C-alpha cells in the first residue's frame, strides 16, 4: 500500500473517530444538562445528527474497501475465477453509474438548499447536504480503484471470513 493511500486511510479514520467522539461528548453533555441542570442544549440533537451524516458518508468508502458492506455473494464466490471477475466488474460498473447519479442529483439538491439554514446551528444546509456529494464521490473512488486497479482492497484472512478478527 502506498504512503498516499495510508495517509488517506489514517485521515478518514481520524475524522470518523473524532466525529463519533464529538457525538459521544455532545450526547453526554445533553444528558447532564437535562438532568443535572434541568435545562437543555437546544443545538445538541441537530449537531449530533449532522455529525453522524458526515461520519457515515466519509467512512462508507473505507468500509467498502475493507469488505464490510453487506453483500449476497454466495453464488458469485462459488464461480470459477474468470466468470467471478467478469461479474464483479459488471457489478462495479453498475455501482459507479448509481454513484454518479447520486453525485449529479446530490449536487443539484445541495445547491438548491444553499440558502436554507439549519434550525438550531444556523449554517447553510449546503454543508449538510454536501455530505452526499463527498460521500458518493469517495465511495466511487473506492469502487473504481478497488475493482479496476486493485488499489486499497484489503484481503481478509480465510480463518475469519466474516471479519470477526476485527471485533476481537
N, C-alpha and C. Protein backbone atom coordinates (compact mmCIF):
# COMPACT_ATOMS: atom_id res chain seq x y z
N UNK A 1 0.84 -1.18 0.00
CA UNK A 1 0.00 0.00 0.00
C UNK A 1 0.90 1.25 0.00
N UNK A 2 0.57 2.22 -0.80
CA UNK A 2 1.40 3.42 -0.92
C UNK A 2 1.25 4.33 0.30
N UNK A 3 2.22 5.22 0.45
CA UNK A 3 2.17 6.18 1.56
C UNK A 3 0.95 7.09 1.44
N UNK A 4 0.62 7.49 0.21
CA UNK A 4 -0.54 8.36 0.00
C UNK A 4 -1.82 7.66 0.45
N UNK A 5 -1.97 6.39 0.08
CA UNK A 5 -3.17 5.65 0.47
C UNK A 5 -3.23 5.50 1.99
N UNK A 6 -2.10 5.17 2.62
CA UNK A 6 -2.08 5.02 4.08
C UNK A 6 -2.41 6.34 4.77
N UNK A 7 -1.93 7.44 4.22
CA UNK A 7 -2.25 8.75 4.79
C UNK A 7 -3.74 9.06 4.66
N UNK A 8 -4.31 8.72 3.50
CA UNK A 8 -5.75 8.92 3.28
C UNK A 8 -6.56 8.09 4.28
N UNK A 9 -6.20 6.81 4.43
CA UNK A 9 -6.91 5.93 5.36
C UNK A 9 -6.80 6.47 6.78
N UNK A 10 -5.61 6.93 7.17
CA UNK A 10 -5.42 7.49 8.51
C UNK A 10 -6.27 8.73 8.71
N UNK A 11 -6.37 9.58 7.68
CA UNK A 11 -7.18 10.80 7.78
C UNK A 11 -8.66 10.47 7.92
N UNK A 12 -9.14 9.50 7.13
CA UNK A 12 -10.55 9.11 7.22
C UNK A 12 -10.86 8.50 8.58
N UNK A 13 -9.97 7.61 9.04
CA UNK A 13 -10.19 7.01 10.36
C UNK A 13 -10.17 8.07 11.45
N UNK A 14 -9.24 9.02 11.37
CA UNK A 14 -9.17 10.08 12.38
C UNK A 14 -10.44 10.93 12.37
N UNK A 15 -10.93 11.26 11.17
CA UNK A 15 -12.16 12.04 11.06
C UNK A 15 -13.33 11.28 11.69
N UNK A 16 -13.45 9.99 11.36
CA UNK A 16 -14.56 9.20 11.88
C UNK A 16 -14.48 9.04 13.40
N UNK A 17 -13.29 8.75 13.91
CA UNK A 17 -13.13 8.64 15.37
C UNK A 17 -13.44 9.96 16.05
N UNK A 18 -12.95 11.06 15.50
CA UNK A 18 -13.22 12.38 16.10
C UNK A 18 -14.71 12.70 16.04
N UNK A 19 -15.36 12.37 14.92
CA UNK A 19 -16.80 12.62 14.79
C UNK A 19 -17.61 11.83 15.79
N UNK A 20 -17.30 10.54 15.92
CA UNK A 20 -18.02 9.71 16.89
C UNK A 20 -17.71 10.18 18.31
N UNK A 21 -16.47 10.58 18.57
CA UNK A 21 -16.12 11.12 19.88
C UNK A 21 -16.89 12.39 20.20
N UNK A 22 -17.01 13.27 19.20
CA UNK A 22 -17.78 14.51 19.40
C UNK A 22 -19.25 14.21 19.66
N UNK A 23 -19.80 13.23 18.94
CA UNK A 23 -21.20 12.84 19.17
C UNK A 23 -21.36 12.31 20.59
N UNK A 24 -20.41 11.51 21.05
CA UNK A 24 -20.47 10.99 22.41
C UNK A 24 -20.41 12.11 23.44
N UNK A 25 -19.52 13.07 23.24
CA UNK A 25 -19.38 14.18 24.19
C UNK A 25 -20.64 15.04 24.18
N UNK A 26 -21.15 15.36 23.01
CA UNK A 26 -22.36 16.20 22.92
C UNK A 26 -23.55 15.48 23.54
N UNK A 27 -23.69 14.18 23.26
CA UNK A 27 -24.79 13.42 23.85
C UNK A 27 -24.70 13.36 25.37
N UNK A 28 -23.50 13.19 25.89
CA UNK A 28 -23.30 13.17 27.34
C UNK A 28 -23.62 14.54 27.94
N UNK A 29 -23.16 15.59 27.27
CA UNK A 29 -23.46 16.94 27.75
C UNK A 29 -24.96 17.18 27.79
N UNK A 30 -25.66 16.71 26.76
CA UNK A 30 -27.11 16.91 26.71
C UNK A 30 -27.79 16.23 27.90
N UNK A 31 -27.36 15.01 28.21
CA UNK A 31 -27.95 14.29 29.35
C UNK A 31 -27.64 15.02 30.65
N UNK A 32 -26.40 15.44 30.83
CA UNK A 32 -26.02 16.15 32.05
C UNK A 32 -26.80 17.44 32.19
N UNK A 33 -26.88 18.21 31.13
CA UNK A 33 -27.61 19.49 31.21
C UNK A 33 -29.09 19.24 31.52
N UNK A 34 -29.66 18.22 30.91
CA UNK A 34 -31.09 17.97 31.11
C UNK A 34 -31.39 17.52 32.54
N UNK A 35 -30.60 16.59 33.06
CA UNK A 35 -30.93 16.01 34.36
C UNK A 35 -30.22 16.69 35.53
N UNK A 36 -29.05 17.27 35.31
CA UNK A 36 -28.35 17.91 36.41
C UNK A 36 -28.73 19.39 36.53
N UNK A 37 -28.92 20.04 35.40
CA UNK A 37 -29.19 21.48 35.42
C UNK A 37 -30.63 21.82 35.05
N UNK A 38 -31.45 20.80 34.76
CA UNK A 38 -32.84 20.99 34.38
C UNK A 38 -32.98 21.98 33.22
N UNK A 39 -32.08 21.84 32.27
CA UNK A 39 -32.05 22.70 31.09
C UNK A 39 -31.82 21.81 29.87
N UNK A 40 -31.70 22.42 28.73
CA UNK A 40 -31.47 21.64 27.53
C UNK A 40 -30.52 22.38 26.61
N UNK A 41 -29.69 21.63 25.93
CA UNK A 41 -28.83 22.20 24.89
C UNK A 41 -29.64 22.13 23.59
N UNK A 42 -30.18 23.25 23.17
CA UNK A 42 -31.11 23.26 22.04
C UNK A 42 -30.46 22.82 20.73
N UNK A 43 -29.16 22.90 20.64
CA UNK A 43 -28.45 22.61 19.40
C UNK A 43 -27.89 21.19 19.34
N UNK A 44 -27.94 20.45 20.44
CA UNK A 44 -27.21 19.18 20.52
C UNK A 44 -27.73 18.11 19.57
N UNK A 45 -29.04 17.95 19.49
CA UNK A 45 -29.58 16.90 18.63
C UNK A 45 -29.24 17.15 17.17
N UNK A 46 -29.37 18.40 16.75
CA UNK A 46 -29.05 18.74 15.37
C UNK A 46 -27.56 18.53 15.08
N UNK A 47 -26.71 18.94 16.00
CA UNK A 47 -25.26 18.76 15.80
C UNK A 47 -24.90 17.28 15.71
N UNK A 48 -25.48 16.46 16.58
CA UNK A 48 -25.19 15.03 16.53
C UNK A 48 -25.68 14.40 15.23
N UNK A 49 -26.86 14.81 14.78
CA UNK A 49 -27.41 14.27 13.54
C UNK A 49 -26.51 14.60 12.35
N UNK A 50 -26.08 15.86 12.25
CA UNK A 50 -25.25 16.26 11.11
C UNK A 50 -23.86 15.65 11.18
N UNK A 51 -23.32 15.52 12.38
CA UNK A 51 -22.03 14.84 12.52
C UNK A 51 -22.13 13.38 12.09
N UNK A 52 -23.21 12.72 12.48
CA UNK A 52 -23.38 11.31 12.11
C UNK A 52 -23.50 11.16 10.59
N UNK A 53 -24.21 12.06 9.95
CA UNK A 53 -24.33 12.01 8.49
C UNK A 53 -22.94 12.11 7.86
N UNK A 54 -22.13 13.06 8.31
CA UNK A 54 -20.79 13.24 7.74
C UNK A 54 -19.89 12.03 8.03
N UNK A 55 -19.96 11.50 9.24
CA UNK A 55 -19.13 10.34 9.59
C UNK A 55 -19.48 9.15 8.69
N UNK A 56 -20.77 8.89 8.51
CA UNK A 56 -21.19 7.76 7.69
C UNK A 56 -20.78 7.96 6.23
N UNK A 57 -20.98 9.16 5.71
CA UNK A 57 -20.67 9.40 4.30
C UNK A 57 -19.16 9.35 4.03
N UNK A 58 -18.36 9.87 4.95
CA UNK A 58 -16.91 9.83 4.77
C UNK A 58 -16.38 8.41 4.96
N UNK A 59 -16.91 7.69 5.92
CA UNK A 59 -16.41 6.35 6.23
C UNK A 59 -16.91 5.25 5.32
N UNK A 60 -17.92 5.51 4.50
CA UNK A 60 -18.51 4.46 3.65
C UNK A 60 -17.50 3.89 2.66
N UNK A 61 -16.69 4.73 2.05
CA UNK A 61 -15.72 4.24 1.08
C UNK A 61 -14.71 3.31 1.71
N UNK A 62 -14.21 3.68 2.86
CA UNK A 62 -13.24 2.85 3.56
C UNK A 62 -13.88 1.51 3.96
N UNK A 63 -15.13 1.55 4.39
CA UNK A 63 -15.83 0.31 4.73
C UNK A 63 -15.97 -0.58 3.50
N UNK A 64 -16.25 0.02 2.35
CA UNK A 64 -16.35 -0.76 1.11
C UNK A 64 -15.02 -1.45 0.81
N UNK A 65 -13.92 -0.69 0.89
CA UNK A 65 -12.61 -1.27 0.58
C UNK A 65 -12.22 -2.38 1.55
N UNK A 66 -12.74 -2.32 2.75
CA UNK A 66 -12.44 -3.35 3.74
C UNK A 66 -13.39 -4.55 3.64
N UNK A 67 -14.32 -4.50 2.70
CA UNK A 67 -15.25 -5.61 2.52
C UNK A 67 -16.30 -5.68 3.61
N UNK A 68 -16.64 -4.55 4.20
CA UNK A 68 -17.58 -4.54 5.31
C UNK A 68 -19.01 -4.20 4.90
N UNK A 69 -19.25 -4.07 3.60
CA UNK A 69 -20.62 -3.86 3.14
C UNK A 69 -21.33 -5.20 3.05
N UNK A 70 -22.61 -5.18 3.34
CA UNK A 70 -23.41 -6.38 3.23
C UNK A 70 -23.54 -6.77 1.77
N UNK A 71 -23.33 -8.02 1.47
CA UNK A 71 -23.44 -8.46 0.08
C UNK A 71 -23.95 -9.89 0.01
N UNK A 72 -24.62 -10.18 -1.07
CA UNK A 72 -25.13 -11.53 -1.32
C UNK A 72 -24.18 -12.17 -2.33
N UNK A 73 -23.10 -12.75 -1.85
CA UNK A 73 -22.04 -13.21 -2.72
C UNK A 73 -21.92 -14.74 -2.77
N UNK A 74 -22.83 -15.45 -2.18
CA UNK A 74 -22.70 -16.90 -2.10
C UNK A 74 -22.56 -17.53 -3.48
N UNK A 75 -23.43 -17.21 -4.40
CA UNK A 75 -23.37 -17.81 -5.74
C UNK A 75 -22.17 -17.31 -6.52
N UNK A 76 -21.87 -16.01 -6.43
CA UNK A 76 -20.75 -15.44 -7.19
C UNK A 76 -19.42 -16.01 -6.70
N UNK A 77 -19.25 -16.15 -5.42
CA UNK A 77 -17.99 -16.65 -4.87
C UNK A 77 -17.72 -18.12 -5.21
N UNK A 78 -18.74 -18.85 -5.60
CA UNK A 78 -18.57 -20.26 -5.96
C UNK A 78 -18.22 -20.44 -7.44
N UNK A 79 -18.26 -19.37 -8.21
CA UNK A 79 -17.92 -19.45 -9.62
C UNK A 79 -16.42 -19.55 -9.82
N UNK A 80 -16.00 -20.07 -10.98
CA UNK A 80 -14.56 -20.05 -11.31
C UNK A 80 -14.07 -18.60 -11.41
N UNK A 81 -12.75 -18.43 -11.39
CA UNK A 81 -12.13 -17.11 -11.30
C UNK A 81 -12.59 -16.16 -12.40
N UNK A 82 -12.56 -16.57 -13.66
CA UNK A 82 -12.88 -15.65 -14.76
C UNK A 82 -14.33 -15.16 -14.74
N UNK A 83 -15.34 -16.05 -14.64
CA UNK A 83 -16.73 -15.54 -14.56
C UNK A 83 -16.97 -14.68 -13.33
N UNK A 84 -16.33 -15.04 -12.22
CA UNK A 84 -16.48 -14.24 -11.00
C UNK A 84 -15.91 -12.84 -11.22
N UNK A 85 -14.76 -12.75 -11.87
CA UNK A 85 -14.15 -11.44 -12.14
C UNK A 85 -15.03 -10.62 -13.07
N UNK A 86 -15.61 -11.24 -14.09
CA UNK A 86 -16.49 -10.53 -15.02
C UNK A 86 -17.72 -9.99 -14.29
N UNK A 87 -18.33 -10.83 -13.46
CA UNK A 87 -19.50 -10.37 -12.70
C UNK A 87 -19.13 -9.26 -11.72
N UNK A 88 -17.96 -9.33 -11.11
CA UNK A 88 -17.51 -8.26 -10.21
C UNK A 88 -17.34 -6.95 -10.96
N UNK A 89 -16.79 -7.01 -12.16
CA UNK A 89 -16.61 -5.80 -12.97
C UNK A 89 -17.95 -5.21 -13.41
N UNK A 90 -18.87 -6.07 -13.83
CA UNK A 90 -20.21 -5.59 -14.21
C UNK A 90 -20.88 -4.93 -13.01
N UNK A 91 -20.76 -5.57 -11.86
CA UNK A 91 -21.33 -5.01 -10.64
C UNK A 91 -20.71 -3.66 -10.32
N UNK A 92 -19.40 -3.55 -10.46
CA UNK A 92 -18.70 -2.29 -10.17
C UNK A 92 -19.18 -1.18 -11.12
N UNK A 93 -19.36 -1.51 -12.39
CA UNK A 93 -19.85 -0.51 -13.35
C UNK A 93 -21.24 -0.03 -12.96
N UNK A 94 -22.12 -0.97 -12.59
CA UNK A 94 -23.47 -0.59 -12.18
C UNK A 94 -23.45 0.28 -10.92
N UNK A 95 -22.60 -0.07 -9.97
CA UNK A 95 -22.48 0.74 -8.75
C UNK A 95 -21.97 2.13 -9.09
N UNK A 96 -20.99 2.22 -9.99
CA UNK A 96 -20.46 3.53 -10.38
C UNK A 96 -21.51 4.38 -11.09
N UNK A 97 -22.33 3.76 -11.93
CA UNK A 97 -23.42 4.50 -12.58
C UNK A 97 -24.37 5.04 -11.52
N UNK A 98 -24.71 4.22 -10.54
CA UNK A 98 -25.58 4.64 -9.45
C UNK A 98 -24.95 5.79 -8.67
N UNK A 99 -23.66 5.69 -8.35
CA UNK A 99 -22.98 6.73 -7.58
C UNK A 99 -22.85 8.04 -8.35
N UNK A 100 -22.63 7.95 -9.66
CA UNK A 100 -22.58 9.17 -10.48
C UNK A 100 -23.96 9.84 -10.49
N UNK A 101 -25.01 9.04 -10.52
CA UNK A 101 -26.37 9.58 -10.45
C UNK A 101 -26.59 10.29 -9.11
N UNK A 102 -26.14 9.66 -8.04
CA UNK A 102 -26.26 10.30 -6.72
C UNK A 102 -25.45 11.59 -6.69
N UNK A 103 -24.25 11.57 -7.25
CA UNK A 103 -23.43 12.78 -7.31
C UNK A 103 -24.14 13.90 -8.05
N UNK A 104 -24.71 13.57 -9.19
CA UNK A 104 -25.40 14.57 -10.01
C UNK A 104 -26.57 15.20 -9.27
N UNK A 105 -27.48 14.35 -8.81
CA UNK A 105 -28.67 14.87 -8.13
C UNK A 105 -28.36 15.40 -6.74
N UNK A 106 -27.36 14.82 -6.06
CA UNK A 106 -26.95 15.33 -4.77
C UNK A 106 -26.37 16.73 -4.87
N UNK A 107 -25.60 16.98 -5.93
CA UNK A 107 -25.05 18.31 -6.16
C UNK A 107 -26.16 19.32 -6.43
N UNK A 108 -27.11 18.94 -7.28
CA UNK A 108 -28.24 19.82 -7.55
C UNK A 108 -29.04 20.11 -6.28
N UNK A 109 -29.28 19.07 -5.48
CA UNK A 109 -30.04 19.23 -4.25
C UNK A 109 -29.31 20.12 -3.26
N UNK A 110 -28.02 19.87 -3.05
CA UNK A 110 -27.24 20.69 -2.11
C UNK A 110 -27.22 22.14 -2.55
N UNK A 111 -27.08 22.36 -3.85
CA UNK A 111 -27.04 23.74 -4.35
C UNK A 111 -28.39 24.44 -4.16
N UNK A 112 -29.49 23.69 -4.34
CA UNK A 112 -30.83 24.28 -4.16
C UNK A 112 -31.08 24.66 -2.70
N UNK A 113 -30.44 23.98 -1.77
CA UNK A 113 -30.70 24.25 -0.35
C UNK A 113 -29.65 25.16 0.28
N UNK A 114 -28.83 25.81 -0.55
CA UNK A 114 -27.75 26.63 0.00
C UNK A 114 -28.25 27.85 0.76
N UNK A 115 -29.47 28.31 0.48
CA UNK A 115 -30.00 29.48 1.18
C UNK A 115 -30.84 29.11 2.40
N UNK A 116 -31.07 27.82 2.61
CA UNK A 116 -31.78 27.38 3.80
C UNK A 116 -30.79 27.24 4.95
N UNK A 117 -31.25 27.52 6.15
CA UNK A 117 -30.38 27.46 7.32
C UNK A 117 -30.79 26.33 8.24
N UNK A 118 -29.81 25.74 8.88
CA UNK A 118 -30.08 24.73 9.91
C UNK A 118 -30.82 25.43 11.05
N UNK A 119 -31.82 24.78 11.58
CA UNK A 119 -32.69 25.40 12.56
C UNK A 119 -31.95 25.90 13.79
N UNK A 120 -31.19 25.05 14.43
CA UNK A 120 -30.53 25.43 15.68
C UNK A 120 -29.13 25.98 15.47
N UNK A 121 -28.40 25.43 14.51
CA UNK A 121 -26.99 25.81 14.34
C UNK A 121 -26.81 27.01 13.42
N UNK A 122 -27.77 27.24 12.53
CA UNK A 122 -27.79 28.46 11.73
C UNK A 122 -26.91 28.49 10.49
N UNK A 123 -26.17 27.43 10.20
CA UNK A 123 -25.36 27.47 8.98
C UNK A 123 -26.15 26.95 7.79
N UNK A 124 -25.62 27.18 6.60
CA UNK A 124 -26.30 26.80 5.36
C UNK A 124 -26.48 25.28 5.29
N UNK A 125 -27.63 24.85 4.84
CA UNK A 125 -27.89 23.42 4.66
C UNK A 125 -27.04 22.82 3.55
N UNK A 126 -26.42 23.68 2.75
CA UNK A 126 -25.50 23.18 1.73
C UNK A 126 -24.41 22.34 2.38
N UNK A 127 -23.93 22.72 3.56
CA UNK A 127 -22.86 22.00 4.24
C UNK A 127 -23.33 20.66 4.77
N UNK A 128 -24.59 20.54 5.07
CA UNK A 128 -25.14 19.25 5.50
C UNK A 128 -25.33 18.35 4.28
N UNK A 129 -25.96 18.88 3.25
CA UNK A 129 -26.22 18.08 2.05
C UNK A 129 -24.97 17.85 1.23
N UNK A 130 -23.93 18.63 1.47
CA UNK A 130 -22.65 18.40 0.81
C UNK A 130 -22.06 17.04 1.16
N UNK A 131 -22.49 16.47 2.28
CA UNK A 131 -22.03 15.14 2.66
C UNK A 131 -22.43 14.10 1.61
N UNK A 132 -23.56 14.31 0.95
CA UNK A 132 -24.00 13.40 -0.12
C UNK A 132 -22.98 13.42 -1.25
N UNK A 133 -22.54 14.60 -1.62
CA UNK A 133 -21.59 14.76 -2.72
C UNK A 133 -20.25 14.13 -2.35
N UNK A 134 -19.74 14.49 -1.19
CA UNK A 134 -18.43 13.98 -0.76
C UNK A 134 -18.47 12.47 -0.58
N UNK A 135 -19.51 11.97 0.07
CA UNK A 135 -19.61 10.53 0.33
C UNK A 135 -19.74 9.72 -0.95
N UNK A 136 -20.59 10.16 -1.87
CA UNK A 136 -20.74 9.43 -3.13
C UNK A 136 -19.46 9.49 -3.95
N UNK A 137 -18.79 10.63 -3.93
CA UNK A 137 -17.53 10.76 -4.66
C UNK A 137 -16.45 9.85 -4.10
N UNK A 138 -16.29 9.83 -2.78
CA UNK A 138 -15.29 8.97 -2.17
C UNK A 138 -15.62 7.49 -2.38
N UNK A 139 -16.88 7.14 -2.27
CA UNK A 139 -17.27 5.75 -2.49
C UNK A 139 -17.00 5.34 -3.94
N UNK A 140 -17.27 6.24 -4.89
CA UNK A 140 -16.98 5.94 -6.29
C UNK A 140 -15.48 5.73 -6.51
N UNK A 141 -14.66 6.53 -5.85
CA UNK A 141 -13.21 6.37 -5.95
C UNK A 141 -12.79 5.00 -5.40
N UNK A 142 -13.35 4.63 -4.26
CA UNK A 142 -13.02 3.33 -3.67
C UNK A 142 -13.45 2.18 -4.58
N UNK A 143 -14.65 2.27 -5.14
CA UNK A 143 -15.13 1.20 -6.03
C UNK A 143 -14.23 1.12 -7.26
N UNK A 144 -13.96 2.27 -7.88
CA UNK A 144 -13.13 2.27 -9.08
C UNK A 144 -11.72 1.77 -8.84
N UNK A 145 -11.06 2.29 -7.81
CA UNK A 145 -9.69 1.87 -7.51
C UNK A 145 -9.64 0.40 -7.10
N UNK A 146 -10.61 -0.02 -6.31
CA UNK A 146 -10.60 -1.39 -5.82
C UNK A 146 -10.90 -2.42 -6.89
N UNK A 147 -11.92 -2.18 -7.69
CA UNK A 147 -12.35 -3.19 -8.66
C UNK A 147 -11.55 -3.17 -9.96
N UNK A 148 -11.12 -2.00 -10.39
CA UNK A 148 -10.43 -1.92 -11.68
C UNK A 148 -8.90 -1.93 -11.56
N UNK A 149 -8.38 -1.48 -10.42
CA UNK A 149 -6.92 -1.39 -10.26
C UNK A 149 -6.39 -2.16 -9.07
N UNK A 150 -7.27 -2.70 -8.25
CA UNK A 150 -6.85 -3.47 -7.09
C UNK A 150 -6.20 -2.64 -5.99
N UNK A 151 -6.42 -1.34 -6.02
CA UNK A 151 -5.82 -0.45 -5.03
C UNK A 151 -6.77 -0.31 -3.84
N UNK A 152 -6.22 -0.46 -2.66
CA UNK A 152 -7.00 -0.24 -1.44
C UNK A 152 -7.79 -1.44 -0.97
N UNK A 153 -7.84 -2.48 -1.76
CA UNK A 153 -8.57 -3.68 -1.35
C UNK A 153 -7.84 -4.35 -0.21
N UNK A 154 -8.53 -4.61 0.86
CA UNK A 154 -7.93 -5.32 1.98
C UNK A 154 -8.39 -6.77 1.92
N UNK A 155 -7.43 -7.68 1.83
CA UNK A 155 -7.74 -9.10 1.73
C UNK A 155 -8.00 -9.63 3.13
N UNK A 156 -9.08 -10.35 3.24
CA UNK A 156 -9.45 -10.92 4.53
C UNK A 156 -8.79 -12.27 4.72
N UNK A 157 -8.54 -12.57 5.95
CA UNK A 157 -7.99 -13.87 6.31
C UNK A 157 -9.06 -14.94 6.10
N UNK A 158 -8.64 -16.09 5.60
CA UNK A 158 -9.59 -17.19 5.39
C UNK A 158 -10.07 -17.78 6.72
N UNK A 159 -9.31 -17.54 7.78
CA UNK A 159 -9.70 -18.07 9.08
C UNK A 159 -10.98 -17.40 9.59
N UNK A 160 -11.17 -16.15 9.25
CA UNK A 160 -12.31 -15.39 9.74
C UNK A 160 -13.02 -14.74 8.56
N UNK A 161 -13.80 -15.50 7.79
CA UNK A 161 -14.41 -14.94 6.58
C UNK A 161 -15.41 -13.84 6.86
N UNK A 162 -15.91 -13.73 8.10
CA UNK A 162 -16.88 -12.68 8.42
C UNK A 162 -16.21 -11.45 9.01
N UNK A 163 -14.88 -11.43 9.07
CA UNK A 163 -14.19 -10.27 9.62
C UNK A 163 -14.21 -10.24 11.14
N UNK A 164 -14.40 -11.39 11.77
CA UNK A 164 -14.54 -11.44 13.21
C UNK A 164 -13.27 -11.04 13.95
N UNK A 165 -12.12 -11.17 13.29
CA UNK A 165 -10.87 -10.82 13.96
C UNK A 165 -10.81 -9.34 14.31
N UNK A 166 -11.54 -8.49 13.56
CA UNK A 166 -11.55 -7.07 13.84
C UNK A 166 -12.33 -6.76 15.11
N UNK A 167 -13.30 -7.58 15.43
CA UNK A 167 -14.12 -7.36 16.62
C UNK A 167 -13.44 -7.81 17.89
N UNK A 168 -12.42 -8.66 17.76
CA UNK A 168 -11.74 -9.20 18.96
C UNK A 168 -10.74 -8.26 19.52
